[in-house]
Amino acid sequence: MKLRSLEEYKKILLDLRQECLKKMERLEADYLHSSPREAAGELSGYTQHMADMSADGYEIEKNINFINRESELLYEIEEALYRLEKGKFGSCEDCGNSIEPKRLKAKPYARYCIECQSKER
């Protein structure tokens, strides 16, 4: 892969990493440091009704899932930056062939070519 392309992918990956970190910070600030009731502006931290408790539990679980998803994305981005640094970026980790530029444009942290990815799942 050309040096210019590698530099462009590095910038894209660094921007994605920054976006991901900001999103995680917002999610953590909004949902982990306050209860759903506090986030909604309710004065009492105590739930009065079973349905409210269920909804609160669902909200917390949903937000934790969002944070986990962002953490996984951050890991994939970090791995792509590492591959870029080691000269392995753009090569499929399974078969070693080049990953299509079209795929890298859509998913710059892709580890596998489309064929190997479809085998994985």
N, C-alpha and C. Protein backbone atom coordinates (compact mmCIF):
# COMPACT_ATOMS: atom_id res chain seq x y z
N MET A 1 0.85 -1.18 0.00
CA MET A 1 0.00 0.00 0.00
C MET A 1 0.90 1.24 0.00
N LYS A 2 0.48 2.25 -0.72
CA LYS A 2 1.26 3.48 -0.83
C LYS A 2 1.33 4.21 0.50
N LEU A 3 2.45 4.90 0.71
CA LEU A 3 2.66 5.65 1.95
C LEU A 3 1.56 6.69 2.15
N ARG A 4 1.16 7.36 1.08
CA ARG A 4 0.12 8.38 1.21
C ARG A 4 -1.19 7.75 1.70
N SER A 5 -1.53 6.60 1.14
CA SER A 5 -2.75 5.90 1.57
C SER A 5 -2.64 5.51 3.03
N LEU A 6 -1.48 5.02 3.43
CA LEU A 6 -1.29 4.62 4.83
C LEU A 6 -1.45 5.81 5.77
N GLU A 7 -0.90 6.95 5.37
CA GLU A 7 -1.04 8.16 6.18
C GLU A 7 -2.50 8.59 6.28
N GLU A 8 -3.24 8.45 5.18
CA GLU A 8 -4.66 8.80 5.19
C GLU A 8 -5.43 7.87 6.12
N TYR A 9 -5.12 6.56 6.05
CA TYR A 9 -5.80 5.61 6.93
C TYR A 9 -5.45 5.86 8.39
N LYS A 10 -4.21 6.24 8.64
CA LYS A 10 -3.81 6.54 10.02
C LYS A 10 -4.63 7.72 10.55
N LYS A 11 -4.78 8.75 9.74
CA LYS A 11 -5.58 9.91 10.17
C LYS A 11 -7.03 9.51 10.41
N ILE A 12 -7.59 8.71 9.51
CA ILE A 12 -8.97 8.24 9.67
C ILE A 12 -9.11 7.45 10.96
N LEU A 13 -8.18 6.54 11.21
CA LEU A 13 -8.23 5.72 12.42
C LEU A 13 -8.08 6.56 13.69
N LEU A 14 -7.18 7.52 13.65
CA LEU A 14 -7.00 8.40 14.82
C LEU A 14 -8.26 9.22 15.08
N ASP A 15 -8.88 9.71 14.02
CA ASP A 15 -10.14 10.45 14.17
C ASP A 15 -11.24 9.55 14.74
N LEU A 16 -11.33 8.32 14.22
CA LEU A 16 -12.32 7.37 14.74
C LEU A 16 -12.07 7.07 16.21
N ARG A 17 -10.80 6.91 16.57
CA ARG A 17 -10.46 6.65 17.98
C ARG A 17 -10.90 7.80 18.86
N GLN A 18 -10.65 9.02 18.41
CA GLN A 18 -11.04 10.20 19.19
C GLN A 18 -12.56 10.27 19.35
N GLU A 19 -13.29 10.02 18.27
CA GLU A 19 -14.76 10.00 18.33
C GLU A 19 -15.25 8.96 19.33
N CYS A 20 -14.65 7.80 19.25
CA CYS A 20 -15.03 6.68 20.11
C CYS A 20 -14.78 7.03 21.59
N LEU A 21 -13.63 7.61 21.87
CA LEU A 21 -13.30 7.99 23.25
C LEU A 21 -14.28 9.05 23.77
N LYS A 22 -14.61 10.03 22.93
CA LYS A 22 -15.56 11.06 23.34
C LYS A 22 -16.93 10.46 23.63
N LYS A 23 -17.36 9.56 22.75
CA LYS A 23 -18.67 8.92 22.93
C LYS A 23 -18.68 8.11 24.23
N MET A 24 -17.61 7.40 24.50
CA MET A 24 -17.53 6.61 25.74
C MET A 24 -17.56 7.51 26.97
N GLU A 25 -16.86 8.62 26.91
CA GLU A 25 -16.86 9.57 28.03
C GLU A 25 -18.27 10.09 28.28
N ARG A 26 -18.98 10.45 27.20
CA ARG A 26 -20.35 10.95 27.35
C ARG A 26 -21.26 9.88 27.94
N LEU A 27 -21.15 8.67 27.42
CA LEU A 27 -21.99 7.58 27.93
C LEU A 27 -21.71 7.32 29.40
N GLU A 28 -20.44 7.28 29.76
CA GLU A 28 -20.10 7.03 31.15
C GLU A 28 -20.58 8.16 32.05
N ALA A 29 -20.39 9.39 31.61
CA ALA A 29 -20.83 10.53 32.41
C ALA A 29 -22.35 10.55 32.54
N ASP A 30 -23.04 10.28 31.46
CA ASP A 30 -24.50 10.34 31.47
C ASP A 30 -25.15 9.19 32.22
N TYR A 31 -24.59 8.00 32.11
CA TYR A 31 -25.32 6.84 32.59
C TYR A 31 -24.68 6.05 33.72
N LEU A 32 -23.39 6.15 33.89
CA LEU A 32 -22.78 5.37 34.96
C LEU A 32 -22.63 6.17 36.24
N HIS A 33 -22.56 7.48 36.12
CA HIS A 33 -22.36 8.30 37.31
C HIS A 33 -23.65 8.87 37.86
N SER A 34 -24.76 8.54 37.23
CA SER A 34 -26.05 8.96 37.76
C SER A 34 -27.07 7.90 37.42
N SER A 35 -28.08 7.83 38.24
CA SER A 35 -29.15 6.86 37.98
C SER A 35 -30.02 7.39 36.86
N PRO A 36 -30.80 6.53 36.21
CA PRO A 36 -31.71 7.02 35.17
C PRO A 36 -32.69 8.06 35.70
N ARG A 37 -33.06 7.95 36.98
CA ARG A 37 -33.99 8.92 37.58
C ARG A 37 -33.32 10.29 37.68
N GLU A 38 -32.05 10.30 38.12
CA GLU A 38 -31.35 11.58 38.21
C GLU A 38 -31.15 12.18 36.82
N ALA A 39 -30.82 11.33 35.86
CA ALA A 39 -30.63 11.80 34.49
C ALA A 39 -31.92 12.39 33.93
N ALA A 40 -33.04 11.87 34.37
CA ALA A 40 -34.34 12.37 33.91
C ALA A 40 -34.78 13.60 34.69
N GLY A 41 -34.03 13.97 35.74
CA GLY A 41 -34.36 15.15 36.51
C GLY A 41 -35.30 14.92 37.66
N GLU A 42 -35.55 13.67 38.02
CA GLU A 42 -36.43 13.38 39.14
C GLU A 42 -35.67 13.62 40.45
N LEU A 43 -36.37 14.15 41.43
CA LEU A 43 -35.74 14.49 42.69
C LEU A 43 -35.42 13.28 43.55
N SER A 44 -36.32 12.36 43.60
CA SER A 44 -36.12 11.19 44.45
C SER A 44 -35.33 10.12 43.71
N GLY A 45 -34.34 9.57 44.37
CA GLY A 45 -33.56 8.48 43.79
C GLY A 45 -34.22 7.14 44.00
N TYR A 46 -35.31 7.13 44.75
CA TYR A 46 -35.98 5.87 45.06
C TYR A 46 -37.11 5.62 44.09
N THR A 47 -37.17 4.40 43.63
CA THR A 47 -38.23 4.00 42.71
C THR A 47 -39.47 3.68 43.51
N GLN A 48 -40.59 4.16 43.03
CA GLN A 48 -41.85 3.96 43.73
C GLN A 48 -42.65 2.79 43.19
N HIS A 49 -42.36 2.35 42.00
CA HIS A 49 -43.20 1.35 41.36
C HIS A 49 -42.32 0.27 40.72
N MET A 50 -42.80 -0.97 40.73
CA MET A 50 -42.05 -2.09 40.16
C MET A 50 -41.74 -1.87 38.68
N ALA A 51 -42.68 -1.31 37.94
CA ALA A 51 -42.46 -1.07 36.51
C ALA A 51 -41.33 -0.06 36.31
N ASP A 52 -41.25 0.94 37.21
CA ASP A 52 -40.17 1.91 37.13
C ASP A 52 -38.82 1.24 37.38
N MET A 53 -38.78 0.33 38.36
CA MET A 53 -37.53 -0.37 38.67
C MET A 53 -37.09 -1.20 37.47
N SER A 54 -38.04 -1.84 36.82
CA SER A 54 -37.73 -2.65 35.65
C SER A 54 -37.20 -1.77 34.52
N ALA A 55 -37.83 -0.64 34.31
CA ALA A 55 -37.40 0.28 33.26
C ALA A 55 -36.01 0.83 33.57
N ASP A 56 -35.75 1.14 34.85
CA ASP A 56 -34.43 1.62 35.25
C ASP A 56 -33.37 0.57 34.97
N GLY A 57 -33.67 -0.67 35.32
CA GLY A 57 -32.72 -1.76 35.08
C GLY A 57 -32.44 -1.95 33.60
N TYR A 58 -33.48 -1.84 32.81
CA TYR A 58 -33.33 -1.96 31.36
C TYR A 58 -32.45 -0.84 30.81
N GLU A 59 -32.67 0.39 31.26
CA GLU A 59 -31.88 1.54 30.80
C GLU A 59 -30.41 1.36 31.15
N ILE A 60 -30.15 0.92 32.38
CA ILE A 60 -28.76 0.72 32.80
C ILE A 60 -28.10 -0.34 31.94
N GLU A 61 -28.79 -1.45 31.75
CA GLU A 61 -28.24 -2.55 30.94
C GLU A 61 -27.99 -2.10 29.50
N LYS A 62 -28.93 -1.36 28.95
CA LYS A 62 -28.79 -0.86 27.57
C LYS A 62 -27.56 0.04 27.45
N ASN A 63 -27.38 0.93 28.42
CA ASN A 63 -26.25 1.85 28.36
C ASN A 63 -24.92 1.14 28.57
N ILE A 64 -24.90 0.14 29.41
CA ILE A 64 -23.68 -0.65 29.58
C ILE A 64 -23.35 -1.37 28.28
N ASN A 65 -24.37 -1.86 27.59
CA ASN A 65 -24.14 -2.52 26.29
C ASN A 65 -23.57 -1.54 25.27
N PHE A 66 -24.06 -0.29 25.28
CA PHE A 66 -23.51 0.73 24.38
C PHE A 66 -22.03 0.96 24.69
N ILE A 67 -21.70 1.07 25.96
CA ILE A 67 -20.32 1.30 26.36
C ILE A 67 -19.45 0.11 25.96
N ASN A 68 -19.95 -1.11 26.16
CA ASN A 68 -19.19 -2.30 25.76
C ASN A 68 -18.94 -2.32 24.26
N ARG A 69 -19.95 -1.95 23.49
CA ARG A 69 -19.80 -1.92 22.03
C ARG A 69 -18.73 -0.91 21.63
N GLU A 70 -18.75 0.25 22.26
CA GLU A 70 -17.74 1.26 21.96
C GLU A 70 -16.35 0.79 22.38
N SER A 71 -16.26 0.07 23.49
CA SER A 71 -14.98 -0.48 23.93
C SER A 71 -14.42 -1.47 22.92
N GLU A 72 -15.30 -2.31 22.39
CA GLU A 72 -14.88 -3.28 21.37
C GLU A 72 -14.40 -2.56 20.11
N LEU A 73 -15.11 -1.52 19.71
CA LEU A 73 -14.71 -0.74 18.54
C LEU A 73 -13.36 -0.07 18.79
N LEU A 74 -13.18 0.48 19.96
CA LEU A 74 -11.91 1.12 20.31
C LEU A 74 -10.76 0.11 20.22
N TYR A 75 -10.99 -1.10 20.70
CA TYR A 75 -9.98 -2.16 20.62
C TYR A 75 -9.63 -2.45 19.16
N GLU A 76 -10.64 -2.57 18.30
CA GLU A 76 -10.41 -2.85 16.88
C GLU A 76 -9.61 -1.72 16.22
N ILE A 77 -9.92 -0.49 16.59
CA ILE A 77 -9.20 0.67 16.04
C ILE A 77 -7.75 0.65 16.50
N GLU A 78 -7.53 0.37 17.79
CA GLU A 78 -6.16 0.30 18.31
C GLU A 78 -5.36 -0.80 17.62
N GLU A 79 -6.00 -1.94 17.38
CA GLU A 79 -5.34 -3.04 16.68
C GLU A 79 -4.98 -2.64 15.25
N ALA A 80 -5.87 -1.91 14.58
CA ALA A 80 -5.59 -1.46 13.22
C ALA A 80 -4.41 -0.49 13.20
N LEU A 81 -4.34 0.39 14.19
CA LEU A 81 -3.21 1.31 14.29
C LEU A 81 -1.91 0.55 14.53
N TYR A 82 -1.97 -0.51 15.33
CA TYR A 82 -0.80 -1.35 15.58
C TYR A 82 -0.36 -2.04 14.28
N ARG A 83 -1.33 -2.59 13.53
CA ARG A 83 -1.00 -3.24 12.26
C ARG A 83 -0.38 -2.24 11.29
N LEU A 84 -0.90 -1.03 11.30
CA LEU A 84 -0.36 0.02 10.44
C LEU A 84 1.10 0.30 10.80
N GLU A 85 1.37 0.39 12.09
CA GLU A 85 2.72 0.64 12.58
C GLU A 85 3.68 -0.49 12.20
N LYS A 86 3.19 -1.73 12.22
CA LYS A 86 4.02 -2.90 11.94
C LYS A 86 4.08 -3.26 10.45
N GLY A 87 3.40 -2.48 9.61
CA GLY A 87 3.44 -2.74 8.17
C GLY A 87 2.52 -3.86 7.72
N LYS A 88 1.55 -4.21 8.55
CA LYS A 88 0.63 -5.30 8.21
C LYS A 88 -0.78 -4.80 7.90
N PHE A 89 -0.97 -3.50 7.92
CA PHE A 89 -2.29 -2.94 7.67
C PHE A 89 -2.72 -3.23 6.24
N GLY A 90 -3.99 -3.61 6.07
CA GLY A 90 -4.53 -3.86 4.74
C GLY A 90 -4.36 -5.28 4.28
N SER A 91 -3.73 -6.12 5.11
CA SER A 91 -3.58 -7.54 4.78
C SER A 91 -4.50 -8.35 5.67
N CYS A 92 -5.16 -9.33 5.08
CA CYS A 92 -6.07 -10.20 5.82
C CYS A 92 -5.28 -11.03 6.83
N GLU A 93 -5.73 -11.06 8.07
CA GLU A 93 -5.04 -11.82 9.11
C GLU A 93 -5.19 -13.33 8.92
N ASP A 94 -6.14 -13.74 8.11
CA ASP A 94 -6.37 -15.17 7.90
C ASP A 94 -5.58 -15.68 6.69
N CYS A 95 -5.86 -15.13 5.52
CA CYS A 95 -5.24 -15.65 4.29
C CYS A 95 -4.02 -14.86 3.84
N GLY A 96 -3.83 -13.65 4.37
CA GLY A 96 -2.67 -12.84 4.00
C GLY A 96 -2.86 -12.00 2.75
N ASN A 97 -3.97 -12.19 2.04
CA ASN A 97 -4.23 -11.38 0.84
C ASN A 97 -4.59 -9.95 1.24
N SER A 98 -4.51 -9.07 0.26
CA SER A 98 -4.87 -7.67 0.50
C SER A 98 -6.38 -7.55 0.72
N ILE A 99 -6.73 -6.70 1.65
CA ILE A 99 -8.14 -6.38 1.88
C ILE A 99 -8.52 -5.32 0.85
N GLU A 100 -9.65 -5.52 0.21
CA GLU A 100 -10.11 -4.59 -0.83
C GLU A 100 -10.16 -3.16 -0.29
N PRO A 101 -9.65 -2.19 -1.06
CA PRO A 101 -9.71 -0.79 -0.64
C PRO A 101 -11.13 -0.32 -0.32
N LYS A 102 -12.10 -0.85 -1.07
CA LYS A 102 -13.50 -0.50 -0.85
C LYS A 102 -13.92 -0.91 0.58
N ARG A 103 -13.49 -2.09 1.00
CA ARG A 103 -13.80 -2.58 2.35
C ARG A 103 -13.11 -1.71 3.40
N LEU A 104 -11.84 -1.40 3.17
CA LEU A 104 -11.11 -0.57 4.13
C LEU A 104 -11.69 0.83 4.22
N LYS A 105 -12.22 1.31 3.12
CA LYS A 105 -12.84 2.63 3.16
C LYS A 105 -14.09 2.61 4.04
N ALA A 106 -14.86 1.52 3.94
CA ALA A 106 -16.08 1.39 4.74
C ALA A 106 -15.77 1.04 6.19
N LYS A 107 -14.73 0.23 6.39
CA LYS A 107 -14.39 -0.26 7.72
C LYS A 107 -12.86 -0.29 7.84
N PRO A 108 -12.24 0.86 8.14
CA PRO A 108 -10.78 0.94 8.11
C PRO A 108 -10.06 0.07 9.14
N TYR A 109 -10.78 -0.47 10.09
CA TYR A 109 -10.18 -1.34 11.09
C TYR A 109 -10.41 -2.81 10.78
N ALA A 110 -10.86 -3.12 9.55
CA ALA A 110 -11.13 -4.51 9.16
C ALA A 110 -9.87 -5.35 9.28
N ARG A 111 -10.03 -6.56 9.84
CA ARG A 111 -8.92 -7.50 10.00
C ARG A 111 -8.87 -8.52 8.87
N TYR A 112 -10.03 -8.77 8.26
CA TYR A 112 -10.14 -9.85 7.29
C TYR A 112 -10.71 -9.34 5.98
N CYS A 113 -10.33 -10.03 4.89
CA CYS A 113 -10.96 -9.77 3.61
C CYS A 113 -12.41 -10.27 3.70
N ILE A 114 -13.22 -9.90 2.75
CA ILE A 114 -14.64 -10.27 2.80
C ILE A 114 -14.82 -11.78 2.82
N GLU A 115 -14.04 -12.48 2.01
CA GLU A 115 -14.17 -13.94 1.93
C GLU A 115 -13.87 -14.60 3.28
N CYS A 116 -12.78 -14.22 3.91
CA CYS A 116 -12.42 -14.81 5.21
C CYS A 116 -13.39 -14.37 6.31
N GLN A 117 -13.86 -13.14 6.25
CA GLN A 117 -14.83 -12.66 7.23
C GLN A 117 -16.11 -13.47 7.16
N SER A 118 -16.55 -13.79 5.95
CA SER A 118 -17.78 -14.58 5.82
C SER A 118 -17.58 -16.00 6.33
N LYS A 119 -16.36 -16.52 6.28
CA LYS A 119 -16.08 -17.84 6.85
C LYS A 119 -16.09 -17.80 8.37
N GLU A 120 -15.66 -16.69 8.93
CA GLU A 120 -15.57 -16.53 10.39
C GLU A 120 -16.94 -16.56 11.04
N ARG A 121 -17.95 -16.04 10.38
CA ARG A 121 -19.27 -15.90 10.98
C ARG A 121 -20.14 -16.99 10.53
